[in-house]
Amino acid sequence: MAKMTVIYKTPKDTAFFEKHYYEVHIPLAKKLPGIIKYEVSNGSVLSLTGHSDVYLVANLYFESIEVMMESFKSDIGQQCAVDRRILANDDEVQIYVYDVKNT
């Protein structure tokens, strides 16, 4: 299974972020071909290692990295990438893509 973790810093306009993220971005991302699961943090995100200014964490799950990469090449995937930039520029977000395994 493959996972994408998206970490958003606190936005300048939290009301705009919340409205756009939940009403536009999530419904769009849930249309990604091959997406299995989409989850977001609920409430405060606390760091045990001293990191600060984390507003929201999202995790998207796909069958494999290859499926995920193909998904983001699709029209919906491209729309998601453009829409994410409405929410946060590259300095305001961290995105990680990786395989996961159960241990």
Protein backbone atom coordinates (compact mmCIF):
# COMPACT_ATOMS: atom_id res chain seq x y z
CA MET A 1 0.00 0.00 0.00
CA ALA A 2 1.17 3.54 -0.71
CA LYS A 3 0.52 6.62 1.36
CA MET A 4 0.77 10.35 0.77
CA THR A 5 1.08 12.52 3.86
CA VAL A 6 0.38 16.24 3.46
CA ILE A 7 1.29 18.59 6.31
CA TYR A 8 -0.14 22.12 6.14
CA LYS A 9 1.25 25.02 8.15
CA THR A 10 -1.23 27.39 9.78
CA PRO A 11 -2.78 29.41 6.94
CA LYS A 12 -2.98 33.19 6.96
CA ASP A 13 -6.77 32.98 6.61
CA THR A 14 -7.99 29.92 8.52
CA ALA A 15 -11.67 30.56 7.70
CA PHE A 16 -10.92 30.54 3.96
CA PHE A 17 -8.71 27.47 4.30
CA GLU A 18 -11.35 25.50 6.23
CA LYS A 19 -14.16 26.37 3.82
CA HIS A 20 -12.15 25.70 0.67
CA TYR A 21 -10.43 22.57 2.00
CA TYR A 22 -13.62 20.82 3.13
CA GLU A 23 -16.00 22.09 0.44
CA VAL A 24 -13.70 22.03 -2.62
CA HIS A 25 -10.41 20.23 -2.12
CA ILE A 26 -11.50 17.08 -0.28
CA PRO A 27 -14.46 16.37 -2.61
CA LEU A 28 -12.11 16.82 -5.59
CA ALA A 29 -9.39 14.59 -4.10
CA LYS A 30 -11.91 11.86 -3.30
CA LYS A 31 -12.46 11.56 -7.07
CA LEU A 32 -8.81 10.62 -7.68
CA PRO A 33 -8.63 7.37 -9.64
CA GLY A 34 -7.52 4.54 -7.37
CA ILE A 35 -7.81 6.35 -4.05
CA ILE A 36 -8.64 3.92 -1.25
CA LYS A 37 -8.89 6.21 1.77
CA TYR A 38 -8.60 9.91 2.62
CA GLU A 39 -8.20 11.00 6.23
CA VAL A 40 -7.43 14.29 7.95
CA SER A 41 -6.39 15.26 11.43
CA ASN A 42 -9.13 16.41 13.77
CA GLY A 43 -8.24 19.17 16.18
CA SER A 44 -4.79 20.28 17.24
CA VAL A 45 -1.70 18.58 15.83
CA LEU A 46 0.92 18.26 18.56
CA SER A 47 4.59 17.61 17.95
CA LEU A 48 6.65 15.58 20.38
CA THR A 49 9.87 16.70 18.68
CA GLY A 50 9.48 20.47 18.87
CA HIS A 51 8.01 21.19 15.45
CA SER A 52 5.44 23.94 15.47
CA ASP A 53 2.93 25.62 13.20
CA VAL A 54 1.30 22.42 11.93
CA TYR A 55 -2.36 23.16 11.21
CA LEU A 56 -3.62 20.02 9.49
CA VAL A 57 -2.31 16.63 8.38
CA ALA A 58 -3.93 14.62 5.59
CA ASN A 59 -3.22 11.05 4.52
CA LEU A 60 -4.23 9.58 1.17
CA TYR A 61 -3.95 5.84 0.52
CA PHE A 62 -3.50 4.00 -2.78
CA GLU A 63 -2.78 0.39 -3.75
CA SER A 64 0.77 1.27 -4.83
CA ILE A 65 3.11 4.16 -5.61
CA GLU A 66 2.57 3.44 -9.31
CA VAL A 67 -1.21 3.71 -8.96
CA MET A 68 -0.78 6.95 -6.99
CA MET A 69 1.54 8.49 -9.57
CA GLU A 70 -0.82 7.56 -12.41
CA SER A 71 -3.70 9.02 -10.44
CA PHE A 72 -1.97 12.38 -10.15
CA LYS A 73 -1.28 12.38 -13.91
CA SER A 74 -5.04 12.22 -14.53
CA ASP A 75 -7.20 15.29 -15.14
CA ILE A 76 -8.53 15.09 -11.57
CA GLY A 77 -4.98 14.69 -10.25
CA GLN A 78 -3.86 17.80 -12.10
CA GLN A 79 -6.88 19.70 -10.76
CA CYS A 80 -5.94 18.61 -7.23
CA ALA A 81 -2.39 19.88 -7.69
CA VAL A 82 -3.61 23.27 -8.92
CA ASP A 83 -6.20 23.48 -6.15
CA ARG A 84 -3.65 22.63 -3.45
CA ARG A 85 -1.72 25.75 -4.47
CA ILE A 86 -4.83 27.81 -3.67
CA LEU A 87 -4.62 26.47 -0.12
CA ALA A 88 -0.85 26.60 0.40
CA ASN A 89 2.27 27.45 -1.56
CA ASP A 90 5.28 25.15 -1.46
CA ASP A 91 6.68 26.92 1.63
CA GLU A 92 3.45 26.31 3.56
CA VAL A 93 3.08 22.58 2.95
CA GLN A 94 5.14 19.40 3.12
CA ILE A 95 4.16 16.38 1.00
CA TYR A 96 5.59 12.89 1.50
CA VAL A 97 4.91 9.80 -0.64
CA TYR A 98 5.94 6.34 0.53
CA ASP A 99 5.10 2.65 0.66
CA VAL A 100 3.75 1.30 3.94
CA LYS A 101 3.87 -2.17 5.41
CA ASN A 102 2.25 -3.76 8.40
CA THR A 103 4.73 -4.97 10.99
